[in-house]
PDB file of all heavy atoms in Angstrom:
ATOM      1  N   TYR A   1     -12.072  12.719 -11.091  1.00  0.00           N
ATOM      2  CA  TYR A   1     -12.050  13.270  -9.736  1.00  0.00           C
ATOM      3  C   TYR A   1     -13.445  13.731  -9.318  1.00  0.00           C
ATOM      4  O   TYR A   1     -14.123  14.443 -10.048  1.00  0.00           O
ATOM      5  CB  TYR A   1     -11.080  14.452  -9.670  1.00  0.00           C
ATOM      6  CG  TYR A   1     -11.164  15.201  -8.360  1.00  0.00           C
ATOM      7  CD1 TYR A   1     -10.560  14.696  -7.210  1.00  0.00           C
ATOM      8  CD2 TYR A   1     -11.850  16.402  -8.265  1.00  0.00           C
ATOM      9  CE1 TYR A   1     -10.642  15.373  -6.013  1.00  0.00           C
ATOM     10  CE2 TYR A   1     -11.937  17.088  -7.074  1.00  0.00           C
ATOM     11  CZ  TYR A   1     -11.329  16.565  -5.947  1.00  0.00           C
ATOM     12  OH  TYR A   1     -11.412  17.238  -4.755  1.00  0.00           O
ATOM     13  N   ALA A   2     -13.860  13.284  -8.146  1.00  0.00           N
ATOM     14  CA  ALA A   2     -15.110  13.734  -7.526  1.00  0.00           C
ATOM     15  C   ALA A   2     -14.895  13.660  -6.018  1.00  0.00           C
ATOM     16  O   ALA A   2     -14.483  12.619  -5.500  1.00  0.00           O
ATOM     17  CB  ALA A   2     -16.291  12.862  -7.941  1.00  0.00           C
ATOM     18  N   PRO A   3     -15.120  14.768  -5.281  1.00  0.00           N
ATOM     19  CA  PRO A   3     -14.804  14.787  -3.845  1.00  0.00           C
ATOM     20  C   PRO A   3     -15.511  13.676  -3.079  1.00  0.00           C
ATOM     21  O   PRO A   3     -16.686  13.391  -3.287  1.00  0.00           O
ATOM     22  CB  PRO A   3     -15.298  16.182  -3.411  1.00  0.00           C
ATOM     23  CG  PRO A   3     -15.302  16.995  -4.656  1.00  0.00           C
ATOM     24  CD  PRO A   3     -15.636  16.046  -5.767  1.00  0.00           C
ATOM     25  N   LYS A   4     -14.728  13.005  -2.218  1.00  0.00           N
ATOM     26  CA  LYS A   4     -15.223  11.974  -1.295  1.00  0.00           C
ATOM     27  C   LYS A   4     -15.892  10.814  -2.011  1.00  0.00           C
ATOM     28  O   LYS A   4     -16.882  10.258  -1.540  1.00  0.00           O
ATOM     29  CB  LYS A   4     -16.181  12.594  -0.268  1.00  0.00           C
ATOM     30  CG  LYS A   4     -15.563  13.668   0.603  1.00  0.00           C
ATOM     31  CD  LYS A   4     -16.482  14.108   1.705  1.00  0.00           C
ATOM     32  CE  LYS A   4     -16.622  13.014   2.753  1.00  0.00           C
ATOM     33  NZ  LYS A   4     -17.386  13.459   3.933  1.00  0.00           N
ATOM     34  N   THR A   5     -15.389  10.438  -3.171  1.00  0.00           N
ATOM     35  CA  THR A   5     -15.917   9.297  -3.910  1.00  0.00           C
ATOM     36  C   THR A   5     -14.763   8.455  -4.443  1.00  0.00           C
ATOM     37  O   THR A   5     -13.639   8.946  -4.603  1.00  0.00           O
ATOM     38  CB  THR A   5     -16.799   9.727  -5.091  1.00  0.00           C
ATOM     39  OG1 THR A   5     -16.023  10.561  -5.968  1.00  0.00           O
ATOM     40  CG2 THR A   5     -18.013  10.496  -4.617  1.00  0.00           C
ATOM     41  N   THR A   6     -15.062   7.186  -4.721  1.00  0.00           N
ATOM     42  CA  THR A   6     -14.096   6.262  -5.308  1.00  0.00           C
ATOM     43  C   THR A   6     -14.675   5.731  -6.605  1.00  0.00           C
ATOM     44  O   THR A   6     -15.757   5.136  -6.604  1.00  0.00           O
ATOM     45  CB  THR A   6     -13.785   5.100  -4.341  1.00  0.00           C
ATOM     46  OG1 THR A   6     -13.249   5.630  -3.134  1.00  0.00           O
ATOM     47  CG2 THR A   6     -12.774   4.156  -4.963  1.00  0.00           C
ATOM     48  N   SER A   7     -13.961   5.949  -7.710  1.00  0.00           N
ATOM     49  CA  SER A   7     -14.417   5.518  -9.034  1.00  0.00           C
ATOM     50  C   SER A   7     -13.654   4.262  -9.436  1.00  0.00           C
ATOM     51  O   SER A   7     -12.414   4.242  -9.388  1.00  0.00           O
ATOM     52  CB  SER A   7     -14.187   6.625 -10.071  1.00  0.00           C
ATOM     53  OG  SER A   7     -14.856   7.805  -9.694  1.00  0.00           O
ATOM     54  N   LEU A   8     -14.389   3.216  -9.819  1.00  0.00           N
ATOM     55  CA  LEU A   8     -13.808   1.962 -10.276  1.00  0.00           C
ATOM     56  C   LEU A   8     -13.837   1.948 -11.797  1.00  0.00           C
ATOM     57  O   LEU A   8     -14.896   2.139 -12.404  1.00  0.00           O
ATOM     58  CB  LEU A   8     -14.575   0.768  -9.707  1.00  0.00           C
ATOM     59  CG  LEU A   8     -14.713   0.727  -8.179  1.00  0.00           C
ATOM     60  CD1 LEU A   8     -15.501  -0.501  -7.759  1.00  0.00           C
ATOM     61  CD2 LEU A   8     -13.348   0.750  -7.514  1.00  0.00           C
ATOM     62  N   LEU A   9     -12.686   1.719 -12.430  1.00  0.00           N
ATOM     63  CA  LEU A   9     -12.565   1.770 -13.875  1.00  0.00           C
ATOM     64  C   LEU A   9     -12.340   0.364 -14.414  1.00  0.00           C
ATOM     65  O   LEU A   9     -11.616  -0.444 -13.804  1.00  0.00           O
ATOM     66  CB  LEU A   9     -11.401   2.686 -14.290  1.00  0.00           C
ATOM     67  CG  LEU A   9     -11.360   4.064 -13.610  1.00  0.00           C
ATOM     68  CD1 LEU A   9     -10.165   4.846 -14.097  1.00  0.00           C
ATOM     69  CD2 LEU A   9     -12.645   4.817 -13.872  1.00  0.00           C
ATOM     70  N   GLU A  10     -12.926   0.072 -15.547  1.00  0.00           N
ATOM     71  CA  GLU A  10     -12.774  -1.223 -16.190  1.00  0.00           C
ATOM     72  C   GLU A  10     -11.492  -1.223 -17.030  1.00  0.00           C
ATOM     73  O   GLU A  10     -11.204  -0.272 -17.760  1.00  0.00           O
ATOM     74  CB  GLU A  10     -13.971  -1.527 -17.093  1.00  0.00           C
ATOM     75  CG  GLU A  10     -15.270  -1.738 -16.334  1.00  0.00           C
ATOM     76  CD  GLU A  10     -15.248  -3.006 -15.502  1.00  0.00           C
ATOM     77  OE1 GLU A  10     -14.452  -3.910 -15.828  1.00  0.00           O
ATOM     78  OE2 GLU A  10     -16.009  -3.089 -14.527  1.00  0.00           O
ATOM     79  N   ALA A  11     -10.714  -2.292 -16.919  1.00  0.00           N
ATOM     80  CA  ALA A  11      -9.498  -2.425 -17.725  1.00  0.00           C
ATOM     81  C   ALA A  11      -9.865  -2.712 -19.167  1.00  0.00           C
ATOM     82  O   ALA A  11     -10.724  -3.553 -19.456  1.00  0.00           O
ATOM     83  CB  ALA A  11      -8.610  -3.533 -17.166  1.00  0.00           C
ATOM     84  N   ASP A  12      -9.228  -2.012 -20.103  1.00  0.00           N
ATOM     85  CA  ASP A  12      -9.506  -2.152 -21.529  1.00  0.00           C
ATOM     86  C   ASP A  12      -8.517  -3.146 -22.125  1.00  0.00           C
ATOM     87  O   ASP A  12      -7.347  -2.840 -22.312  1.00  0.00           O
ATOM     88  CB  ASP A  12      -9.391  -0.793 -22.223  1.00  0.00           C
ATOM     89  CG  ASP A  12      -9.844  -0.864 -23.673  1.00  0.00           C
ATOM     90  OD1 ASP A  12     -10.316  -1.940 -24.074  1.00  0.00           O
ATOM     91  OD2 ASP A  12      -9.718   0.152 -24.382  1.00  0.00           O
ATOM     92  N   ALA A  13      -8.997  -4.371 -22.396  1.00  0.00           N
ATOM     93  CA  ALA A  13      -8.136  -5.414 -22.972  1.00  0.00           C
ATOM     94  C   ALA A  13      -8.540  -5.748 -24.396  1.00  0.00           C
ATOM     95  O   ALA A  13      -8.341  -6.863 -24.875  1.00  0.00           O
ATOM     96  CB  ALA A  13      -8.193  -6.667 -22.103  1.00  0.00           C
ATOM     97  N   SER A  14      -9.150  -4.791 -25.110  1.00  0.00           N
ATOM     98  CA  SER A  14      -9.591  -5.041 -26.487  1.00  0.00           C
ATOM     99  C   SER A  14      -8.390  -5.238 -27.388  1.00  0.00           C
ATOM    100  O   SER A  14      -7.326  -4.670 -27.187  1.00  0.00           O
ATOM    101  CB  SER A  14     -10.440  -3.871 -26.978  1.00  0.00           C
ATOM    102  OG  SER A  14      -9.699  -2.673 -26.902  1.00  0.00           O
ATOM    103  N   SER A  15      -8.569  -6.050 -28.414  1.00  0.00           N
ATOM    104  CA  SER A  15      -7.470  -6.408 -29.306  1.00  0.00           C
ATOM    105  C   SER A  15      -7.373  -5.509 -30.521  1.00  0.00           C
ATOM    106  O   SER A  15      -6.447  -5.632 -31.301  1.00  0.00           O
ATOM    107  CB  SER A  15      -7.642  -7.862 -29.778  1.00  0.00           C
ATOM    108  OG  SER A  15      -8.904  -8.007 -30.436  1.00  0.00           O
ATOM    109  N   ASP A  16      -8.357  -4.598 -30.718  1.00  0.00           N
ATOM    110  CA  ASP A  16      -8.320  -3.769 -31.916  1.00  0.00           C
ATOM    111  C   ASP A  16      -7.378  -2.593 -31.782  1.00  0.00           C
ATOM    112  O   ASP A  16      -7.150  -1.859 -32.718  1.00  0.00           O
ATOM    113  CB  ASP A  16      -9.722  -3.268 -32.254  1.00  0.00           C
ATOM    114  CG  ASP A  16     -10.334  -2.501 -31.089  1.00  0.00           C
ATOM    115  OD1 ASP A  16      -9.801  -2.634 -29.966  1.00  0.00           O
ATOM    116  OD2 ASP A  16     -11.320  -1.779 -31.301  1.00  0.00           O
ATOM    117  N   LYS A  17      -6.847  -2.375 -30.622  1.00  0.00           N
ATOM    118  CA  LYS A  17      -5.871  -1.307 -30.436  1.00  0.00           C
ATOM    119  C   LYS A  17      -4.845  -1.756 -29.405  1.00  0.00           C
ATOM    120  O   LYS A  17      -5.084  -2.654 -28.602  1.00  0.00           O
ATOM    121  CB  LYS A  17      -6.556  -0.022 -29.987  1.00  0.00           C
ATOM    122  CG  LYS A  17      -7.293  -0.150 -28.658  1.00  0.00           C
ATOM    123  CD  LYS A  17      -7.932   1.156 -28.288  1.00  0.00           C
ATOM    124  CE  LYS A  17      -8.682   1.014 -26.965  1.00  0.00           C
ATOM    125  NZ  LYS A  17      -9.297   2.301 -26.570  1.00  0.00           N
ATOM    126  N   VAL A  18      -3.728  -1.092 -29.424  1.00  0.00           N
ATOM    127  CA  VAL A  18      -2.642  -1.443 -28.510  1.00  0.00           C
ATOM    128  C   VAL A  18      -2.902  -0.755 -27.180  1.00  0.00           C
ATOM    129  O   VAL A  18      -2.831   0.478 -27.081  1.00  0.00           O
ATOM    130  CB  VAL A  18      -1.282  -1.008 -29.095  1.00  0.00           C
ATOM    131  CG1 VAL A  18      -0.172  -1.366 -28.122  1.00  0.00           C
ATOM    132  CG2 VAL A  18      -1.061  -1.674 -30.452  1.00  0.00           C
ATOM    133  N   ALA A  19      -3.240  -1.531 -26.156  1.00  0.00           N
ATOM    134  CA  ALA A  19      -3.523  -0.962 -24.844  1.00  0.00           C
ATOM    135  C   ALA A  19      -2.212  -0.720 -24.098  1.00  0.00           C
ATOM    136  O   ALA A  19      -1.239  -1.445 -24.286  1.00  0.00           O
ATOM    137  CB  ALA A  19      -4.416  -1.920 -24.041  1.00  0.00           C
ATOM    138  N   PRO A  20      -2.150   0.327 -23.235  1.00  0.00           N
ATOM    139  CA  PRO A  20      -0.924   0.567 -22.469  1.00  0.00           C
ATOM    140  C   PRO A  20      -0.657  -0.559 -21.487  1.00  0.00           C
ATOM    141  O   PRO A  20      -1.548  -1.327 -21.120  1.00  0.00           O
ATOM    142  CB  PRO A  20      -1.223   1.899 -21.758  1.00  0.00           C
ATOM    143  CG  PRO A  20      -2.713   2.006 -21.738  1.00  0.00           C
ATOM    144  CD  PRO A  20      -3.186   1.321 -22.979  1.00  0.00           C
ATOM    145  N   ALA A  21       0.612  -0.649 -21.081  1.00  0.00           N
ATOM    146  CA  ALA A  21       1.001  -1.715 -20.161  1.00  0.00           C
ATOM    147  C   ALA A  21       0.249  -1.612 -18.842  1.00  0.00           C
ATOM    148  O   ALA A  21      -0.165  -2.616 -18.267  1.00  0.00           O
ATOM    149  CB  ALA A  21       2.510  -1.672 -19.929  1.00  0.00           C
ATOM    150  N   LEU A  22       0.073  -0.389 -18.336  1.00  0.00           N
ATOM    151  CA  LEU A  22      -0.656  -0.159 -17.095  1.00  0.00           C
ATOM    152  C   LEU A  22      -1.882   0.687 -17.395  1.00  0.00           C
ATOM    153  O   LEU A  22      -1.827   1.628 -18.191  1.00  0.00           O
ATOM    154  CB  LEU A  22       0.233   0.558 -16.069  1.00  0.00           C
ATOM    155  CG  LEU A  22       1.499  -0.170 -15.633  1.00  0.00           C
ATOM    156  CD1 LEU A  22       2.279   0.668 -14.644  1.00  0.00           C
ATOM    157  CD2 LEU A  22       1.163  -1.518 -15.011  1.00  0.00           C
ATOM    158  N   GLN A  23      -2.979   0.346 -16.748  1.00  0.00           N
ATOM    159  CA  GLN A  23      -4.217   1.085 -16.947  1.00  0.00           C
ATOM    160  C   GLN A  23      -4.794   1.486 -15.601  1.00  0.00           C
ATOM    161  O   GLN A  23      -4.681   0.741 -14.618  1.00  0.00           O
ATOM    162  CB  GLN A  23      -5.236   0.232 -17.712  1.00  0.00           C
ATOM    163  CG  GLN A  23      -4.827  -0.087 -19.136  1.00  0.00           C
ATOM    164  CD  GLN A  23      -5.949  -0.742 -19.909  1.00  0.00           C
ATOM    165  OE1 GLN A  23      -7.071  -0.817 -19.441  1.00  0.00           O
ATOM    166  NE2 GLN A  23      -5.631  -1.214 -21.107  1.00  0.00           N
ATOM    167  N   PRO A  24      -5.435   2.683 -15.515  1.00  0.00           N
ATOM    168  CA  PRO A  24      -6.061   3.105 -14.252  1.00  0.00           C
ATOM    169  C   PRO A  24      -7.191   2.158 -13.865  1.00  0.00           C
ATOM    170  O   PRO A  24      -8.022   1.803 -14.696  1.00  0.00           O
ATOM    171  CB  PRO A  24      -6.578   4.513 -14.571  1.00  0.00           C
ATOM    172  CG  PRO A  24      -5.819   4.960 -15.775  1.00  0.00           C
ATOM    173  CD  PRO A  24      -5.514   3.721 -16.553  1.00  0.00           C
ATOM    174  N   ARG A  25      -7.197   1.757 -12.612  1.00  0.00           N
ATOM    175  CA  ARG A  25      -8.237   0.856 -12.112  1.00  0.00           C
ATOM    176  C   ARG A  25      -9.119   1.527 -11.062  1.00  0.00           C
ATOM    177  O   ARG A  25     -10.318   1.277 -11.021  1.00  0.00           O
ATOM    178  CB  ARG A  25      -7.586  -0.399 -11.506  1.00  0.00           C
ATOM    179  CG  ARG A  25      -6.748  -1.196 -12.493  1.00  0.00           C
ATOM    180  CD  ARG A  25      -7.611  -1.880 -13.540  1.00  0.00           C
ATOM    181  NE  ARG A  25      -8.543  -2.801 -12.924  1.00  0.00           N
ATOM    182  CZ  ARG A  25      -8.235  -4.038 -12.552  1.00  0.00           C
ATOM    183  NH1 ARG A  25      -7.000  -4.502 -12.765  1.00  0.00           N
ATOM    184  NH2 ARG A  25      -9.138  -4.825 -12.007  1.00  0.00           N
ATOM    185  N   VAL A  26      -8.516   2.353 -10.211  1.00  0.00           N
ATOM    186  CA  VAL A  26      -9.266   3.002  -9.135  1.00  0.00           C
ATOM    187  C   VAL A  26      -8.804   4.452  -9.033  1.00  0.00           C
ATOM    188  O   VAL A  26      -7.608   4.734  -9.108  1.00  0.00           O
ATOM    189  CB  VAL A  26      -9.065   2.293  -7.774  1.00  0.00           C
ATOM    190  CG1 VAL A  26      -9.900   2.972  -6.695  1.00  0.00           C
ATOM    191  CG2 VAL A  26      -9.430   0.829  -7.868  1.00  0.00           C
ATOM    192  N   VAL A  27      -9.774   5.371  -8.861  1.00  0.00           N
ATOM    193  CA  VAL A  27      -9.488   6.787  -8.610  1.00  0.00           C
ATOM    194  C   VAL A  27     -10.266   7.172  -7.355  1.00  0.00           C
ATOM    195  O   VAL A  27     -11.500   7.202  -7.364  1.00  0.00           O
ATOM    196  CB  VAL A  27      -9.888   7.687  -9.796  1.00  0.00           C
ATOM    197  CG1 VAL A  27      -9.639   9.145  -9.451  1.00  0.00           C
ATOM    198  CG2 VAL A  27      -9.117   7.303 -11.045  1.00  0.00           C
ATOM    199  N   ALA A  28      -9.543   7.426  -6.252  1.00  0.00           N
ATOM    200  CA  ALA A  28     -10.157   7.780  -4.969  1.00  0.00           C
ATOM    201  C   ALA A  28      -9.828   9.231  -4.648  1.00  0.00           C
ATOM    202  O   ALA A  28      -8.694   9.673  -4.829  1.00  0.00           O
ATOM    203  CB  ALA A  28      -9.649   6.860  -3.852  1.00  0.00           C
ATOM    204  N   ALA A  29     -10.834   9.974  -4.173  1.00  0.00           N
ATOM    205  CA  ALA A  29     -10.666  11.407  -3.906  1.00  0.00           C
ATOM    206  C   ALA A  29     -11.019  11.702  -2.455  1.00  0.00           C
ATOM    207  O   ALA A  29     -11.901  11.064  -1.866  1.00  0.00           O
ATOM    208  CB  ALA A  29     -11.545  12.236  -4.842  1.00  0.00           C
ATOM    209  N   SER A  30     -10.323  12.686  -1.884  1.00  0.00           N
ATOM    210  CA  SER A  30     -10.560  13.092  -0.509  1.00  0.00           C
ATOM    211  C   SER A  30     -11.621  14.178  -0.469  1.00  0.00           C
ATOM    212  O   SER A  30     -12.308  14.442  -1.451  1.00  0.00           O
ATOM    213  CB  SER A  30      -9.258  13.602   0.110  1.00  0.00           C
ATOM    214  OG  SER A  30      -8.845  14.790  -0.541  1.00  0.00           O
ATOM    215  N   ASP A  31     -11.723  14.837   0.679  1.00  0.00           N
ATOM    216  CA  ASP A  31     -12.666  15.934   0.816  1.00  0.00           C
ATOM    217  C   ASP A  31     -12.289  17.080  -0.104  1.00  0.00           C
ATOM    218  O   ASP A  31     -11.118  17.250  -0.455  1.00  0.00           O
ATOM    219  CB  ASP A  31     -12.697  16.401   2.277  1.00  0.00           C
ATOM    220  CG  ASP A  31     -13.845  17.337   2.539  1.00  0.00           C
ATOM    221  OD1 ASP A  31     -14.938  16.862   2.869  1.00  0.00           O
ATOM    222  OD2 ASP A  31     -13.639  18.546   2.409  1.00  0.00           O
ATOM    223  N   ALA A  32     -13.300  17.892  -0.488  1.00  0.00           N
ATOM    224  CA  ALA A  32     -13.042  18.998  -1.418  1.00  0.00           C
ATOM    225  C   ALA A  32     -12.076  20.011  -0.832  1.00  0.00           C
ATOM    226  O   ALA A  32     -11.348  20.680  -1.576  1.00  0.00           O
ATOM    227  CB  ALA A  32     -14.371  19.676  -1.786  1.00  0.00           C
TER     228      ALA A  32
END
């Protein structure tokens, strides 16, 4: 979370661990 910013997250598809079915891709925040 950061006010008035949009954070783009990379999906983790590594094979060395079991990744969750759904992963966060975008976190958008409004004004503080």
